[in-house]
C-alpha atoms as a PDB file:
ATOM      1  CA  MET A   1     -13.333   2.775   6.762  1.00  0.00           C
ATOM      2  CA  THR A   2     -12.953   3.995  10.239  1.00  0.00           C
ATOM      3  CA  LYS A   3     -12.664   8.042  11.547  1.00  0.00           C
ATOM      4  CA  SER A   4      -8.894   8.236  12.167  1.00  0.00           C
ATOM      5  CA  ASN A   5      -8.173  11.403  14.794  1.00  0.00           C
ATOM      6  CA  LEU A   6      -7.702  14.216  12.738  1.00  0.00           C
ATOM      7  CA  LYS A   7     -10.625  13.634  10.912  1.00  0.00           C
ATOM      8  CA  GLU A   8     -12.484  13.342  14.272  1.00  0.00           C
ATOM      9  CA  LYS A   9     -11.027  16.674  15.158  1.00  0.00           C
ATOM     10  CA  GLU A  10     -12.634  18.600  12.469  1.00  0.00           C
ATOM     11  CA  GLU A  11     -16.132  17.079  13.268  1.00  0.00           C
ATOM     12  CA  SER A  12     -16.470  17.103  17.187  1.00  0.00           C
ATOM     13  CA  THR A  13     -14.181  19.056  19.886  1.00  0.00           C
ATOM     14  CA  GLN A  14     -14.071  16.272  21.926  1.00  0.00           C
ATOM     15  CA  LYS A  15     -10.803  14.110  22.484  1.00  0.00           C
ATOM     16  CA  THR A  16     -10.723  11.304  20.731  1.00  0.00           C
ATOM     17  CA  THR A  17     -10.340   8.261  22.697  1.00  0.00           C
ATOM     18  CA  GLY A  18      -9.762   4.744  20.859  1.00  0.00           C
ATOM     19  CA  LEU A  19      -6.394   2.887  19.383  1.00  0.00           C
ATOM     20  CA  TYR A  20      -3.179   5.010  18.301  1.00  0.00           C
ATOM     21  CA  ILE A  21      -1.307   3.303  15.894  1.00  0.00           C
ATOM     22  CA  THR A  22       2.390   4.565  17.072  1.00  0.00           C
ATOM     23  CA  LYS A  23       4.494   2.670  14.372  1.00  0.00           C
ATOM     24  CA  ILE A  24       4.005   0.200  11.281  1.00  0.00           C
ATOM     25  CA  LYS A  25       6.483  -2.141   9.753  1.00  0.00           C
ATOM     26  CA  PHE A  26       6.614  -4.310   6.880  1.00  0.00           C
ATOM     27  CA  LYS A  27       8.331  -7.495   7.034  1.00  0.00           C
ATOM     28  CA  GLU A  28       8.108  -9.932   4.076  1.00  0.00           C
ATOM     29  CA  ASN A  29       4.426  -8.954   3.326  1.00  0.00           C
ATOM     30  CA  LYS A  30       3.440  -8.910   6.777  1.00  0.00           C
ATOM     31  CA  ALA A  31       2.970  -6.328   8.827  1.00  0.00           C
ATOM     32  CA  VAL A  32       4.145  -5.416  12.751  1.00  0.00           C
ATOM     33  CA  ILE A  33       2.148  -2.833  14.188  1.00  0.00           C
ATOM     34  CA  ASN A  34       2.753  -0.444  17.370  1.00  0.00           C
ATOM     35  CA  TYR A  35      -0.270   0.771  18.897  1.00  0.00           C
ATOM     36  CA  ARG A  36      -1.439   2.117  22.037  1.00  0.00           C
ATOM     37  CA  ASP A  37      -4.777   1.482  23.697  1.00  0.00           C
ATOM     38  CA  GLU A  38      -6.097   4.808  25.620  1.00  0.00           C
ATOM     39  CA  GLN A  39      -8.991   1.858  26.821  1.00  0.00           C
ATOM     40  CA  ASP A  40      -6.507  -0.326  28.959  1.00  0.00           C
ATOM     41  CA  LEU A  41      -4.437   2.047  30.944  1.00  0.00           C
ATOM     42  CA  SER A  42      -1.859  -0.813  32.275  1.00  0.00           C
ATOM     43  CA  LEU A  43      -0.151  -0.946  27.895  1.00  0.00           C
ATOM     44  CA  LYS A  44       1.703   1.772  27.607  1.00  0.00           C
ATOM     45  CA  GLU A  45       2.431   0.373  24.151  1.00  0.00           C
ATOM     46  CA  GLY A  46       1.679  -2.797  22.494  1.00  0.00           C
ATOM     47  CA  THR A  47       2.617  -4.887  19.894  1.00  0.00           C
ATOM     48  CA  TYR A  48       0.383  -6.763  16.792  1.00  0.00           C
ATOM     49  CA  THR A  49       2.700  -9.263  14.655  1.00  0.00           C
ATOM     50  CA  GLY A  50       0.464 -10.204  11.400  1.00  0.00           C
ATOM     51  CA  LYS A  51       0.951 -13.975  10.475  1.00  0.00           C
ATOM     52  CA  ASP A  52      -1.276 -13.407   7.089  1.00  0.00           C
ATOM     53  CA  GLU A  53       0.330 -10.883   4.314  1.00  0.00           C
ATOM     54  CA  VAL A  54      -1.179  -7.435   4.214  1.00  0.00           C
ATOM     55  CA  THR A  55      -3.683  -6.932   1.155  1.00  0.00           C
ATOM     56  CA  GLU A  56      -2.913  -5.077  -1.308  1.00  0.00           C
ATOM     57  CA  GLU A  57      -4.329  -1.993  -1.099  1.00  0.00           C
ATOM     58  CA  PHE A  58      -2.507  -1.976   2.215  1.00  0.00           C
ATOM     59  CA  LYS A  59       0.837  -2.439   0.480  1.00  0.00           C
ATOM     60  CA  ASN A  60       0.402   0.058  -2.172  1.00  0.00           C
ATOM     61  CA  LEU A  61      -0.669   2.645   0.225  1.00  0.00           C
ATOM     62  CA  PHE A  62       2.502   1.967   2.219  1.00  0.00           C
ATOM     63  CA  GLN A  63       4.862   1.908  -0.137  1.00  0.00           C
ATOM     64  CA  LYS A  64       2.872   5.475  -1.885  1.00  0.00           C
ATOM     65  CA  ALA A  65       4.601   7.151   1.286  1.00  0.00           C
ATOM     66  CA  VAL A  66       7.702   7.430  -0.497  1.00  0.00           C
ATOM     67  CA  ASP A  67       6.169  10.131  -2.380  1.00  0.00           C
ATOM     68  CA  THR A  68       5.699  12.167   1.382  1.00  0.00           C
ATOM     69  CA  PHE A  69       9.226  11.240   1.889  1.00  0.00           C
ATOM     70  CA  VAL A  70      10.844  12.432  -1.349  1.00  0.00           C
ATOM     71  CA  GLU A  71       8.452  15.931  -1.560  1.00  0.00           C
ATOM     72  CA  LEU A  72       9.832  16.142   1.934  1.00  0.00           C
ATOM     73  CA  LEU A  73      13.694  15.713   0.941  1.00  0.00           C
ATOM     74  CA  PRO A  74      13.931  16.524  -2.896  1.00  0.00           C
ATOM     75  CA  GLU A  75      16.861  15.932  -3.543  1.00  0.00           C
ATOM     76  CA  LEU A  76      16.116  12.512  -3.721  1.00  0.00           C
ATOM     77  CA  LYS A  77      13.368  12.670  -6.520  1.00  0.00           C
ATOM     78  CA  LYS A  78      15.352  11.155  -9.046  1.00  0.00           C
ATOM     79  CA  SER A  79      15.703   7.871  -6.814  1.00  0.00           C
ATOM     80  CA  LYS A  80      12.417   7.585  -5.967  1.00  0.00           C
ATOM     81  CA  SER A  81      11.706   4.531  -7.977  1.00  0.00           C
ATOM     82  CA  GLN A  82      14.769   2.940  -5.958  1.00  0.00           C
ATOM     83  CA  ILE A  83      13.492   3.150  -2.342  1.00  0.00           C
ATOM     84  CA  LYS A  84      11.398   0.926  -0.419  1.00  0.00           C
ATOM     85  CA  MET A  85       9.102   2.051   2.392  1.00  0.00           C
ATOM     86  CA  ASN A  86      10.561   0.049   5.269  1.00  0.00           C
ATOM     87  CA  ALA A  87       8.339   2.222   8.527  1.00  0.00           C
ATOM     88  CA  LEU A  88       6.826   4.540   9.330  1.00  0.00           C
ATOM     89  CA  ARG A  89       6.415   6.094  13.003  1.00  0.00           C
ATOM     90  CA  PHE A  90       3.346   8.404  14.260  1.00  0.00           C
ATOM     91  CA  ASP A  91       3.222  10.577  17.389  1.00  0.00           C
ATOM     92  CA  TYR A  92       0.414  12.295  18.760  1.00  0.00           C
ATOM     93  CA  ASP A  93      -0.398  15.574  20.403  1.00  0.00           C
ATOM     94  CA  LYS A  94      -1.747  15.695  24.468  1.00  0.00           C
ATOM     95  CA  GLN A  95      -4.919  15.758  22.874  1.00  0.00           C
ATOM     96  CA  GLY A  96      -4.564  12.812  20.408  1.00  0.00           C
ATOM     97  CA  PHE A  97      -4.467  13.925  17.095  1.00  0.00           C
ATOM     98  CA  LEU A  98      -1.654  13.084  14.469  1.00  0.00           C
ATOM     99  CA  GLU A  99       1.258  15.656  14.956  1.00  0.00           C
ATOM    100  CA  LYS A 100       4.391  14.398  13.542  1.00  0.00           C
ATOM    101  CA  VAL A 101       5.888  11.077  11.085  1.00  0.00           C
ATOM    102  CA  LEU A 102       9.156   9.696  11.308  1.00  0.00           C
ATOM    103  CA  PHE A 103       9.974   7.921   7.711  1.00  0.00           C
ATOM    104  CA  SER A 104      12.161   4.748   7.573  1.00  0.00           C
ATOM    105  CA  THR A 105      13.233   4.063   4.378  1.00  0.00           C
ATOM    106  CA  VAL A 106      16.018   1.208   2.334  1.00  0.00           C
ATOM    107  CA  TRP A 107      17.184   2.986  -0.776  1.00  0.00           C
ATOM    108  CA  THR A 108      18.877   0.719  -3.078  1.00  0.00           C
ATOM    109  CA  PHE A 109      21.692   3.212  -4.565  1.00  0.00           C
ATOM    110  CA  ASN A 110      23.002   1.107  -7.217  1.00  0.00           C
ATOM    111  CA  SER A 111      23.216  -1.694  -9.834  1.00  0.00           C
ATOM    112  CA  GLN A 112      25.078  -4.423  -7.065  1.00  0.00           C
ATOM    113  CA  GLY A 113      21.840  -3.987  -4.917  1.00  0.00           C
ATOM    114  CA  ASN A 114      23.537  -2.136  -1.989  1.00  0.00           C
ATOM    115  CA  VAL A 115      21.231  -0.257   0.419  1.00  0.00           C
ATOM    116  CA  ILE A 116      21.349   2.186   2.657  1.00  0.00           C
ATOM    117  CA  ASN A 117      19.115   2.591   5.395  1.00  0.00           C
ATOM    118  CA  LEU A 118      17.078   6.351   5.891  1.00  0.00           C
ATOM    119  CA  ASN A 119      15.641   7.157   8.960  1.00  0.00           C
ATOM    120  CA  THR A 120      14.246  10.950   8.408  1.00  0.00           C
ATOM    121  CA  PRO A 121      13.509  13.071  11.647  1.00  0.00           C
ATOM    122  CA  GLN A 122      10.091  13.662  13.326  1.00  0.00           C
ATOM    123  CA  PHE A 123       8.280  15.575  10.274  1.00  0.00           C
ATOM    124  CA  PRO A 124       5.661  17.660  11.767  1.00  0.00           C
ATOM    125  CA  ILE A 125       2.079  17.844  10.038  1.00  0.00           C
ATOM    126  CA  TYR A 126       1.389  20.981   8.472  1.00  0.00           C
ATOM    127  CA  LYS A 127      -0.622  23.869  10.239  1.00  0.00           C
ATOM    128  CA  PRO A 128      -1.172  27.576   9.179  1.00  0.00           C
ATOM    129  CA  GLU A 129       0.813  29.214  11.732  1.00  0.00           C
ATOM    130  CA  MET A 130       3.683  27.481  11.029  1.00  0.00           C
ATOM    131  CA  SER A 131       6.224  29.386   9.292  1.00  0.00           C
ATOM    132  CA  GLU A 132       7.157  29.274   5.302  1.00  0.00           C
ATOM    133  CA  THR A 133      10.777  27.899   5.686  1.00  0.00           C
ATOM    134  CA  THR A 134       9.469  24.939   8.104  1.00  0.00           C
ATOM    135  CA  VAL A 135       9.630  21.465   6.224  1.00  0.00           C
ATOM    136  CA  ALA A 136       6.326  19.833   7.263  1.00  0.00           C
ATOM    137  CA  ILE A 137       3.982  17.168   5.884  1.00  0.00           C
ATOM    138  CA  SER A 138       1.270  18.638   4.061  1.00  0.00           C
ATOM    139  CA  GLY A 139      -2.611  18.114   3.625  1.00  0.00           C
ATOM    140  CA  LYS A 140      -2.734  15.618   0.653  1.00  0.00           C
ATOM    141  CA  ASP A 141       0.122  13.548   2.561  1.00  0.00           C
ATOM    142  CA  GLU A 142      -1.689  13.958   5.801  1.00  0.00           C
ATOM    143  CA  GLU A 143      -4.988  12.171   4.383  1.00  0.00           C
ATOM    144  CA  LEU A 144      -2.446   9.567   3.241  1.00  0.00           C
ATOM    145  CA  MET A 145      -1.143   8.710   6.432  1.00  0.00           C
ATOM    146  CA  HIS A 146      -4.322   8.640   7.840  1.00  0.00           C
ATOM    147  CA  ASN A 147      -5.493   5.970   5.327  1.00  0.00           C
ATOM    148  CA  ILE A 148      -2.177   4.146   6.228  1.00  0.00           C
ATOM    149  CA  ILE A 149      -3.857   3.980   9.824  1.00  0.00           C
ATOM    150  CA  ASP A 150      -6.525   3.239   8.720  1.00  0.00           C
ATOM    151  CA  LYS A 151      -5.501  -0.236   7.132  1.00  0.00           C
ATOM    152  CA  ALA A 152      -3.432  -0.768   9.626  1.00  0.00           C
ATOM    153  CA  LYS A 153      -6.249  -0.919  11.712  1.00  0.00           C
ATOM    154  CA  ALA A 154      -8.109  -2.885   9.506  1.00  0.00           C
ATOM    155  CA  TYR A 155      -4.949  -5.806   9.226  1.00  0.00           C
ATOM    156  CA  MET A 156      -5.422  -5.913  12.948  1.00  0.00           C
ATOM    157  CA  ASN A 157      -8.590  -6.560  12.945  1.00  0.00           C
ATOM    158  CA  GLY A 158      -7.841  -9.011  10.329  1.00  0.00           C
ATOM    159  CA  ASP A 159      -8.134  -7.747   6.486  1.00  0.00           C
ATOM    160  CA  THR A 160      -5.384  -9.467   5.030  1.00  0.00           C
ATOM    161  CA  ARG A 161      -4.315 -11.023   1.459  1.00  0.00           C
ATOM    162  CA  THR A 162      -5.408 -15.057   2.559  1.00  0.00           C
ATOM    163  CA  LYS A 163      -8.824 -13.471   3.622  1.00  0.00           C
ATOM    164  CA  GLN A 164      -9.468 -11.550   0.143  1.00  0.00           C
ATOM    165  CA  LEU A 165      -8.671 -14.770  -1.673  1.00  0.00           C
ATOM    166  CA  ASP A 166     -10.464 -16.992  -0.162  1.00  0.00           C
ATOM    167  CA  ILE A 167     -13.885 -14.694  -0.461  1.00  0.00           C
ATOM    168  CA  GLY A 168     -13.674 -15.858  -4.459  1.00  0.00           C
ATOM    169  CA  LEU A 169     -13.161 -19.239  -3.659  1.00  0.00           C
ATOM    170  CA  LYS A 170     -16.030 -22.002  -3.553  1.00  0.00           C
ATOM    171  CA  VAL A 171     -15.832 -25.246  -2.434  1.00  0.00           C
ATOM    172  CA  VAL A 172     -17.466 -27.942  -5.087  1.00  0.00           C
ATOM    173  CA  LYS A 173     -17.872 -31.401  -4.273  1.00  0.00           C
END
């Protein structure tokens, strides 16, 4: 598994270089991923639109971000099963480490299937110097965000549901 920026920060004080995922949005089991590439200075932000479906693992990790969402907004905990993660936006600090996450969800709030789009402000990643009243993403949830970023990078590199299905098939003549 690739290392994401915070994990590398723990192992080194050097600035990380590479691909920064800035937004992941799911559309019909496919992902649209916005990214920045520090190697290509002419590219402010690129977009990768997947043609194949995401893996079940990626889809499940992405939906698991709803757990983080309802931890940050506890009033919605009772409606957790009716909330679907739509998009995640990641912001990085000047050193290139994950700093804030914005959640975009769809909440089916009644039996007729009516929905409300809920977008949060950017929630910071918890740091020890923050006050107790600061609403922030905890360490376990931060790890989930890094795992989602890793899966997005793998998806961009061809780790798709179609590829997984092809592995088990044998052509018999």
